[in-house]
Every structure is written in C-alpha cells, then in structure tokens.
C-alpha cells in the first residue's frame, strides 16, 4: 500500500471555497474527498484501486458437510411458543 501524503493549500479564493463546499454538500462527500477527487481528475490520474487479500485463504475452501447443514436446519426452526 502506498503512503498517503498530506498537503496544506493556501490562497483559495472565497468563490472557489464556496464552490468546493457546495459540491461536497451536493455529492454528500467530505470537502477533503471532493478535493482529492478533483485533483486526481485534474492531473489525469486514475484513482488507485485498493485490493484486499485478507480473505484470500477462504476462497474456494467450502466443503459439503451434512452435519453442519443439519445444525443450520435446527437453527432455522421457529418455536411458535416464543411468538405468542
């Protein structure tokens, strides 16, 4: 994973400030997200796709287990007495 950088930007005009805040409000995003998205688009870079590998060991590991299936069936039974 790449380290994230932090910037301080000075000299933003009131007009640009209002426009950015309005865009953030309209899109339901944080001001920071709108700024990062705008900068990314302005320099012609595609947003980075984050690929997680924490569940890779589970992929393709399912095994049929009749005993486990029976256990699940027991949990799905509804006791009518509990719903009176």
PDB file of N, CA and C in Angstrom:
ATOM      1  N   UNK A   1       0.851  -1.167   0.000  1.00  0.00           N
ATOM      2  CA  UNK A   1       0.000   0.000   0.000  1.00  0.00           C
ATOM      3  C   UNK A   1       0.898   1.232   0.000  1.00  0.00           C
ATOM      4  N   UNK A   2       0.517   2.237  -0.766  1.00  0.00           N
ATOM      5  CA  UNK A   2       1.288   3.464  -0.853  1.00  0.00           C
ATOM      6  C   UNK A   2       0.929   4.380   0.309  1.00  0.00           C
ATOM      7  N   UNK A   3       1.934   5.086   0.813  1.00  0.00           N
ATOM      8  CA  UNK A   3       1.691   6.048   1.883  1.00  0.00           C
ATOM      9  C   UNK A   3       0.865   7.205   1.332  1.00  0.00           C
ATOM     10  N   UNK A   4      -0.025   7.712   2.137  1.00  0.00           N
ATOM     11  CA  UNK A   4      -0.831   8.866   1.755  1.00  0.00           C
ATOM     12  C   UNK A   4      -0.057  10.123   2.123  1.00  0.00           C
ATOM     13  N   UNK A   5      -0.147  11.121   1.303  1.00  0.00           N
ATOM     14  CA  UNK A   5       0.527  12.399   1.537  1.00  0.00           C
ATOM     15  C   UNK A   5      -0.483  13.421   2.028  1.00  0.00           C
ATOM     16  N   UNK A   6       0.013  14.402   2.754  1.00  0.00           N
ATOM     17  CA  UNK A   6      -0.845  15.465   3.266  1.00  0.00           C
ATOM     18  C   UNK A   6      -0.338  16.798   2.740  1.00  0.00           C
ATOM     19  N   UNK A   7      -1.256  17.639   2.273  1.00  0.00           N
ATOM     20  CA  UNK A   7      -0.904  18.944   1.730  1.00  0.00           C
ATOM     21  C   UNK A   7      -1.638  20.034   2.499  1.00  0.00           C
ATOM     22  N   UNK A   8      -1.037  21.203   2.537  1.00  0.00           N
ATOM     23  CA  UNK A   8      -1.706  22.408   3.007  1.00  0.00           C
ATOM     24  C   UNK A   8      -1.761  23.341   1.809  1.00  0.00           C
ATOM     25  N   UNK A   9      -2.958  23.766   1.448  1.00  0.00           N
ATOM     26  CA  UNK A   9      -3.117  24.630   0.281  1.00  0.00           C
ATOM     27  C   UNK A   9      -3.573  26.004   0.771  1.00  0.00           C
ATOM     28  N   UNK A  10      -2.828  27.036   0.371  1.00  0.00           N
ATOM     29  CA  UNK A  10      -3.146  28.401   0.778  1.00  0.00           C
ATOM     30  C   UNK A  10      -3.596  29.198  -0.442  1.00  0.00           C
ATOM     31  N   UNK A  11      -4.267  30.290  -0.179  1.00  0.00           N
ATOM     32  CA  UNK A  11      -4.638  31.209  -1.249  1.00  0.00           C
ATOM     33  C   UNK A  11      -5.887  30.814  -2.015  1.00  0.00           C
ATOM     34  N   UNK A  12      -6.768  30.045  -1.386  1.00  0.00           N
ATOM     35  CA  UNK A  12      -8.029  29.651  -2.030  1.00  0.00           C
ATOM     36  C   UNK A  12      -8.984  30.844  -1.977  1.00  0.00           C
ATOM     37  N   UNK A  13      -9.514  31.235  -3.121  1.00  0.00           N
ATOM     38  CA  UNK A  13     -10.447  32.368  -3.149  1.00  0.00           C
ATOM     39  C   UNK A  13     -11.775  31.971  -2.513  1.00  0.00           C
ATOM     40  N   UNK A  14     -12.512  32.975  -2.091  1.00  0.00           N
ATOM     41  CA  UNK A  14     -13.827  32.739  -1.494  1.00  0.00           C
ATOM     42  C   UNK A  14     -14.748  32.047  -2.489  1.00  0.00           C
ATOM     43  N   UNK A  15     -14.661  32.424  -3.752  1.00  0.00           N
ATOM     44  CA  UNK A  15     -15.507  31.825  -4.791  1.00  0.00           C
ATOM     45  C   UNK A  15     -15.215  30.336  -4.939  1.00  0.00           C
ATOM     46  N   UNK A  16     -13.941  29.979  -4.998  1.00  0.00           N
ATOM     47  CA  UNK A  16     -13.558  28.566  -5.126  1.00  0.00           C
ATOM     48  C   UNK A  16     -13.945  27.811  -3.857  1.00  0.00           C
ATOM     49  N   UNK A  17     -13.737  28.436  -2.701  1.00  0.00           N
ATOM     50  CA  UNK A  17     -14.104  27.812  -1.429  1.00  0.00           C
ATOM     51  C   UNK A  17     -15.590  27.471  -1.400  1.00  0.00           C
ATOM     52  N   UNK A  18     -16.409  28.439  -1.771  1.00  0.00           N
ATOM     53  CA  UNK A  18     -17.868  28.204  -1.776  1.00  0.00           C
ATOM     54  C   UNK A  18     -18.249  27.101  -2.764  1.00  0.00           C
ATOM     55  N   UNK A  19     -17.640  27.144  -3.947  1.00  0.00           N
ATOM     56  CA  UNK A  19     -17.962  26.144  -4.978  1.00  0.00           C
ATOM     57  C   UNK A  19     -17.585  24.741  -4.513  1.00  0.00           C
ATOM     58  N   UNK A  20     -16.415  24.606  -3.895  1.00  0.00           N
ATOM     59  CA  UNK A  20     -15.981  23.287  -3.409  1.00  0.00           C
ATOM     60  C   UNK A  20     -16.885  22.787  -2.287  1.00  0.00           C
ATOM     61  N   UNK A  21     -17.223  23.678  -1.360  1.00  0.00           N
ATOM     62  CA  UNK A  21     -18.104  23.279  -0.252  1.00  0.00           C
ATOM     63  C   UNK A  21     -19.492  22.906  -0.758  1.00  0.00           C
ATOM     64  N   UNK A  22     -19.994  23.644  -1.755  1.00  0.00           N
ATOM     65  CA  UNK A  22     -21.298  23.324  -2.331  1.00  0.00           C
ATOM     66  C   UNK A  22     -21.254  21.974  -3.035  1.00  0.00           C
ATOM     67  N   UNK A  23     -20.174  21.724  -3.763  1.00  0.00           N
ATOM     68  CA  UNK A  23     -20.031  20.435  -4.454  1.00  0.00           C
ATOM     69  C   UNK A  23     -19.994  19.295  -3.441  1.00  0.00           C
ATOM     70  N   UNK A  24     -19.263  19.486  -2.349  1.00  0.00           N
ATOM     71  CA  UNK A  24     -19.189  18.457  -1.304  1.00  0.00           C
ATOM     72  C   UNK A  24     -20.572  18.191  -0.720  1.00  0.00           C
ATOM     73  N   UNK A  25     -21.309  19.262  -0.457  1.00  0.00           N
ATOM     74  CA  UNK A  25     -22.654  19.111   0.110  1.00  0.00           C
ATOM     75  C   UNK A  25     -23.580  18.407  -0.879  1.00  0.00           C
ATOM     76  N   UNK A  26     -23.545  18.829  -2.130  1.00  0.00           N
ATOM     77  CA  UNK A  26     -24.405  18.250  -3.167  1.00  0.00           C
ATOM     78  C   UNK A  26     -24.127  16.763  -3.365  1.00  0.00           C
ATOM     79  N   UNK A  27     -22.845  16.394  -3.356  1.00  0.00           N
ATOM     80  CA  UNK A  27     -22.461  14.999  -3.588  1.00  0.00           C
ATOM     81  C   UNK A  27     -22.474  14.162  -2.315  1.00  0.00           C
ATOM     82  N   UNK A  28     -22.704  14.800  -1.172  1.00  0.00           N
ATOM     83  CA  UNK A  28     -22.724  14.057   0.090  1.00  0.00           C
ATOM     84  C   UNK A  28     -21.352  13.515   0.457  1.00  0.00           C
ATOM     85  N   UNK A  29     -20.317  14.274   0.105  1.00  0.00           N
ATOM     86  CA  UNK A  29     -18.947  13.851   0.384  1.00  0.00           C
ATOM     87  C   UNK A  29     -18.281  14.879   1.290  1.00  0.00           C
ATOM     88  N   UNK A  30     -17.174  14.478   1.883  1.00  0.00           N
ATOM     89  CA  UNK A  30     -16.400  15.434   2.669  1.00  0.00           C
ATOM     90  C   UNK A  30     -15.672  16.380   1.715  1.00  0.00           C
ATOM     91  N   UNK A  31     -15.320  17.547   2.237  1.00  0.00           N
ATOM     92  CA  UNK A  31     -14.562  18.505   1.439  1.00  0.00           C
ATOM     93  C   UNK A  31     -13.238  17.890   1.001  1.00  0.00           C
ATOM     94  N   UNK A  32     -12.606  17.147   1.894  1.00  0.00           N
ATOM     95  CA  UNK A  32     -11.336  16.502   1.565  1.00  0.00           C
ATOM     96  C   UNK A  32     -11.500  15.534   0.391  1.00  0.00           C
ATOM     97  N   UNK A  33     -12.555  14.729   0.413  1.00  0.00           N
ATOM     98  CA  UNK A  33     -12.790  13.766  -0.666  1.00  0.00           C
ATOM     99  C   UNK A  33     -13.012  14.480  -1.997  1.00  0.00           C
ATOM    100  N   UNK A  34     -13.786  15.561  -1.973  1.00  0.00           N
ATOM    101  CA  UNK A  34     -14.025  16.331  -3.198  1.00  0.00           C
ATOM    102  C   UNK A  34     -12.717  16.903  -3.727  1.00  0.00           C
ATOM    103  N   UNK A  35     -11.877  17.422  -2.833  1.00  0.00           N
ATOM    104  CA  UNK A  35     -10.592  17.986  -3.255  1.00  0.00           C
ATOM    105  C   UNK A  35      -9.681  16.917  -3.847  1.00  0.00           C
ATOM    106  N   UNK A  36      -9.582  15.768  -3.181  1.00  0.00           N
ATOM    107  CA  UNK A  36      -8.725  14.686  -3.687  1.00  0.00           C
ATOM    108  C   UNK A  36      -9.243  14.200  -5.038  1.00  0.00           C
ATOM    109  N   UNK A  37     -10.562  14.003  -5.152  1.00  0.00           N
ATOM    110  CA  UNK A  37     -11.148  13.571  -6.427  1.00  0.00           C
ATOM    111  C   UNK A  37     -10.874  14.591  -7.535  1.00  0.00           C
ATOM    112  N   UNK A  38     -11.033  15.876  -7.217  1.00  0.00           N
ATOM    113  CA  UNK A  38     -10.822  16.935  -8.206  1.00  0.00           C
ATOM    114  C   UNK A  38      -9.368  17.002  -8.647  1.00  0.00           C
ATOM    115  N   UNK A  39      -8.443  16.908  -7.691  1.00  0.00           N
ATOM    116  CA  UNK A  39      -7.018  16.926  -8.032  1.00  0.00           C
ATOM    117  C   UNK A  39      -6.640  15.708  -8.870  1.00  0.00           C
ATOM    118  N   UNK A  40      -7.152  14.556  -8.491  1.00  0.00           N
ATOM    119  CA  UNK A  40      -6.861  13.323  -9.225  1.00  0.00           C
ATOM    120  C   UNK A  40      -7.322  13.443 -10.674  1.00  0.00           C
ATOM    121  N   UNK A  41      -8.542  13.944 -10.851  1.00  0.00           N
ATOM    122  CA  UNK A  41      -9.089  14.111 -12.196  1.00  0.00           C
ATOM    123  C   UNK A  41      -8.312  15.179 -12.977  1.00  0.00           C
ATOM    124  N   UNK A  42      -7.952  16.272 -12.310  1.00  0.00           N
ATOM    125  CA  UNK A  42      -7.272  17.388 -12.976  1.00  0.00           C
ATOM    126  C   UNK A  42      -5.905  16.994 -13.530  1.00  0.00           C
ATOM    127  N   UNK A  43      -5.210  16.107 -12.841  1.00  0.00           N
ATOM    128  CA  UNK A  43      -3.878  15.714 -13.320  1.00  0.00           C
ATOM    129  C   UNK A  43      -3.927  14.478 -14.210  1.00  0.00           C
ATOM    130  N   UNK A  44      -5.135  13.961 -14.450  1.00  0.00           N
ATOM    131  CA  UNK A  44      -5.296  12.850 -15.384  1.00  0.00           C
ATOM    132  C   UNK A  44      -4.831  11.506 -14.867  1.00  0.00           C
ATOM    133  N   UNK A  45      -4.948  11.322 -13.571  1.00  0.00           N
ATOM    134  CA  UNK A  45      -4.538  10.059 -12.963  1.00  0.00           C
ATOM    135  C   UNK A  45      -5.788   9.286 -12.564  1.00  0.00           C
ATOM    136  N   UNK A  46      -5.771   7.976 -12.775  1.00  0.00           N
ATOM    137  CA  UNK A  46      -6.888   7.140 -12.342  1.00  0.00           C
ATOM    138  C   UNK A  46      -6.789   6.927 -10.838  1.00  0.00           C
ATOM    139  N   UNK A  47      -7.934   6.944 -10.151  1.00  0.00           N
ATOM    140  CA  UNK A  47      -7.900   6.660  -8.712  1.00  0.00           C
ATOM    141  C   UNK A  47      -7.328   5.264  -8.473  1.00  0.00           C
ATOM    142  N   UNK A  48      -6.563   5.124  -7.404  1.00  0.00           N
ATOM    143  CA  UNK A  48      -5.981   3.819  -7.083  1.00  0.00           C
ATOM    144  C   UNK A  48      -7.068   2.866  -6.614  1.00  0.00           C
ATOM    145  N   UNK A  49      -7.012   1.648  -7.112  1.00  0.00           N
ATOM    146  CA  UNK A  49      -7.923   0.608  -6.659  1.00  0.00           C
ATOM    147  C   UNK A  49      -7.233  -0.159  -5.547  1.00  0.00           C
ATOM    148  N   UNK A  50      -7.913  -0.251  -4.421  1.00  0.00           N
ATOM    149  CA  UNK A  50      -7.341  -0.982  -3.293  1.00  0.00           C
ATOM    150  C   UNK A  50      -7.804  -2.431  -3.391  1.00  0.00           C
ATOM    151  N   UNK A  51      -6.865  -3.340  -3.391  1.00  0.00           N
ATOM    152  CA  UNK A  51      -7.181  -4.766  -3.447  1.00  0.00           C
ATOM    153  C   UNK A  51      -6.806  -5.377  -2.107  1.00  0.00           C
ATOM    154  N   UNK A  52      -7.792  -5.956  -1.457  1.00  0.00           N
ATOM    155  CA  UNK A  52      -7.572  -6.584  -0.161  1.00  0.00           C
ATOM    156  C   UNK A  52      -7.304  -8.074  -0.355  1.00  0.00           C
ATOM    157  N   UNK A  53      -6.424  -8.611   0.460  1.00  0.00           N
ATOM    158  CA  UNK A  53      -6.080 -10.027   0.374  1.00  0.00           C
ATOM    159  C   UNK A  53      -6.323 -10.766   1.690  1.00  0.00           C
ATOM    160  N   UNK A  54      -6.991 -10.115   2.634  1.00  0.00           N
ATOM    161  CA  UNK A  54      -7.138 -10.720   3.951  1.00  0.00           C
ATOM    162  C   UNK A  54      -8.059 -11.938   3.972  1.00  0.00           C
ATOM    163  N   UNK A  55      -8.904 -12.112   2.972  1.00  0.00           N
ATOM    164  CA  UNK A  55      -9.808 -13.267   2.945  1.00  0.00           C
ATOM    165  C   UNK A  55      -9.437 -14.279   1.856  1.00  0.00           C
ATOM    166  N   UNK A  56      -8.297 -14.079   1.218  1.00  0.00           N
ATOM    167  CA  UNK A  56      -7.884 -14.960   0.121  1.00  0.00           C
ATOM    168  C   UNK A  56      -7.813 -16.428   0.533  1.00  0.00           C
ATOM    169  N   UNK A  57      -7.400 -16.690   1.770  1.00  0.00           N
ATOM    170  CA  UNK A  57      -7.271 -18.076   2.221  1.00  0.00           C
ATOM    171  C   UNK A  57      -8.615 -18.794   2.300  1.00  0.00           C
ATOM    172  N   UNK A  58      -9.709 -18.040   2.335  1.00  0.00           N
ATOM    173  CA  UNK A  58     -11.032 -18.656   2.441  1.00  0.00           C
ATOM    174  C   UNK A  58     -11.660 -18.951   1.082  1.00  0.00           C
ATOM    175  N   UNK A  59     -11.145 -18.362   0.043  1.00  0.00           N
ATOM    176  CA  UNK A  59     -11.715 -18.523  -1.290  1.00  0.00           C
ATOM    177  C   UNK A  59     -11.574 -19.977  -1.744  1.00  0.00           C
ATOM    178  N   UNK A  60     -12.689 -20.549  -2.160  1.00  0.00           N
ATOM    179  CA  UNK A  60     -12.670 -21.912  -2.674  1.00  0.00           C
ATOM    180  C   UNK A  60     -12.488 -22.977  -1.616  1.00  0.00           C
ATOM    181  N   UNK A  61     -12.747 -22.656  -0.371  1.00  0.00           N
ATOM    182  CA  UNK A  61     -12.491 -23.596   0.722  1.00  0.00           C
ATOM    183  C   UNK A  61     -13.759 -24.286   1.238  1.00  0.00           C
ATOM    184  N   UNK A  62     -14.929 -23.933   0.690  1.00  0.00           N
ATOM    185  CA  UNK A  62     -16.170 -24.515   1.201  1.00  0.00           C
ATOM    186  C   UNK A  62     -16.211 -26.008   0.923  1.00  0.00           C
ATOM    187  N   UNK A  63     -16.596 -26.758   1.925  1.00  0.00           N
ATOM    188  CA  UNK A  63     -16.744 -28.200   1.766  1.00  0.00           C
ATOM    189  C   UNK A  63     -18.140 -28.591   2.217  1.00  0.00           C
ATOM    190  N   UNK A  64     -18.721 -29.505   1.489  1.00  0.00           N
ATOM    191  CA  UNK A  64     -20.028 -30.014   1.881  1.00  0.00           C
ATOM    192  C   UNK A  64     -19.883 -30.758   3.201  1.00  0.00           C
ATOM    193  N   UNK A  65     -20.779 -30.480   4.122  1.00  0.00           N
ATOM    194  CA  UNK A  65     -20.729 -31.117   5.433  1.00  0.00           C
ATOM    195  C   UNK A  65     -22.161 -31.332   5.914  1.00  0.00           C
ATOM    196  N   UNK A  66     -22.702 -32.535   5.722  1.00  0.00           N
ATOM    197  CA  UNK A  66     -24.087 -32.813   6.090  1.00  0.00           C
ATOM    198  C   UNK A  66     -24.384 -32.508   7.567  1.00  0.00           C
ATOM    199  N   UNK A  67     -23.446 -32.771   8.445  1.00  0.00           N
ATOM    200  CA  UNK A  67     -23.670 -32.498   9.871  1.00  0.00           C
ATOM    201  C   UNK A  67     -23.834 -30.991  10.109  1.00  0.00           C
ATOM    202  N   UNK A  68     -23.027 -30.217   9.457  1.00  0.00           N
ATOM    203  CA  UNK A  68     -23.124 -28.761   9.567  1.00  0.00           C
ATOM    204  C   UNK A  68     -24.470 -28.282   9.013  1.00  0.00           C
ATOM    205  N   UNK A  69     -24.888 -28.835   7.877  1.00  0.00           N
ATOM    206  CA  UNK A  69     -26.172 -28.469   7.281  1.00  0.00           C
ATOM    207  C   UNK A  69     -27.324 -28.782   8.223  1.00  0.00           C
ATOM    208  N   UNK A  70     -27.271 -29.934   8.903  1.00  0.00           N
ATOM    209  CA  UNK A  70     -28.311 -30.295   9.869  1.00  0.00           C
ATOM    210  C   UNK A  70     -28.329 -29.290  11.022  1.00  0.00           C
ATOM    211  N   UNK A  71     -27.167 -28.882  11.445  1.00  0.00           N
ATOM    212  CA  UNK A  71     -27.059 -27.893  12.516  1.00  0.00           C
ATOM    213  C   UNK A  71     -27.742 -26.587  12.118  1.00  0.00           C
ATOM    214  N   UNK A  72     -27.526 -26.167  10.891  1.00  0.00           N
ATOM    215  CA  UNK A  72     -28.157 -24.945  10.409  1.00  0.00           C
ATOM    216  C   UNK A  72     -29.669 -25.106  10.324  1.00  0.00           C
ATOM    217  N   UNK A  73     -30.124 -26.261   9.896  1.00  0.00           N
ATOM    218  CA  UNK A  73     -31.558 -26.515   9.817  1.00  0.00           C
ATOM    219  C   UNK A  73     -32.200 -26.387  11.191  1.00  0.00           C
ATOM    220  N   UNK A  74     -31.532 -26.878  12.219  1.00  0.00           N
ATOM    221  CA  UNK A  74     -32.050 -26.777  13.587  1.00  0.00           C
ATOM    222  C   UNK A  74     -32.199 -25.309  13.993  1.00  0.00           C
ATOM    223  N   UNK A  75     -31.267 -24.488  13.595  1.00  0.00           N
ATOM    224  CA  UNK A  75     -31.313 -23.072  13.952  1.00  0.00           C
ATOM    225  C   UNK A  75     -32.429 -22.334  13.218  1.00  0.00           C
ATOM    226  N   UNK A  76     -32.849 -22.855  12.091  1.00  0.00           N
ATOM    227  CA  UNK A  76     -33.888 -22.199  11.304  1.00  0.00           C
ATOM    228  C   UNK A  76     -35.301 -22.575  11.734  1.00  0.00           C
ATOM    229  N   UNK A  77     -35.432 -23.487  12.678  1.00  0.00           N
ATOM    230  CA  UNK A  77     -36.756 -23.871  13.159  1.00  0.00           C
ATOM    231  C   UNK A  77     -37.302 -22.776  14.071  1.00  0.00           C
ATOM    232  N   UNK A  78     -38.565 -22.466  13.881  1.00  0.00           N
ATOM    233  CA  UNK A  78     -39.215 -21.428  14.678  1.00  0.00           C
ATOM    234  C   UNK A  78     -40.072 -22.090  15.743  1.00  0.00           C
ATOM    235  N   UNK A  79     -39.896 -21.647  16.966  1.00  0.00           N
ATOM    236  CA  UNK A  79     -40.692 -22.153  18.082  1.00  0.00           C
ATOM    237  C   UNK A  79     -41.927 -21.264  18.210  1.00  0.00           C
ATOM    238  N   UNK A  80     -43.117 -21.789  17.834  1.00  0.00           N
ATOM    239  CA  UNK A  80     -44.337 -20.977  17.870  1.00  0.00           C
ATOM    240  C   UNK A  80     -44.632 -20.414  19.262  1.00  0.00           C
ATOM    241  N   UNK A  81     -44.192 -21.105  20.308  1.00  0.00           N
ATOM    242  CA  UNK A  81     -44.447 -20.635  21.671  1.00  0.00           C
ATOM    243  C   UNK A  81     -43.743 -19.294  21.952  1.00  0.00           C
ATOM    244  N   UNK A  82     -42.642 -19.067  21.288  1.00  0.00           N
ATOM    245  CA  UNK A  82     -41.908 -17.821  21.503  1.00  0.00           C
ATOM    246  C   UNK A  82     -42.581 -16.621  20.850  1.00  0.00           C
ATOM    247  N   UNK A  83     -43.526 -16.887  19.938  1.00  0.00           N
ATOM    248  CA  UNK A  83     -44.142 -15.803  19.187  1.00  0.00           C
ATOM    249  C   UNK A  83     -45.595 -15.562  19.572  1.00  0.00           C
ATOM    250  N   UNK A  84     -45.954 -15.965  20.778  1.00  0.00           N
ATOM    251  CA  UNK A  84     -47.330 -15.729  21.244  1.00  0.00           C
ATOM    252  C   UNK A  84     -47.412 -14.466  22.036  1.00  0.00           C
TER     253      UNK A  84
END
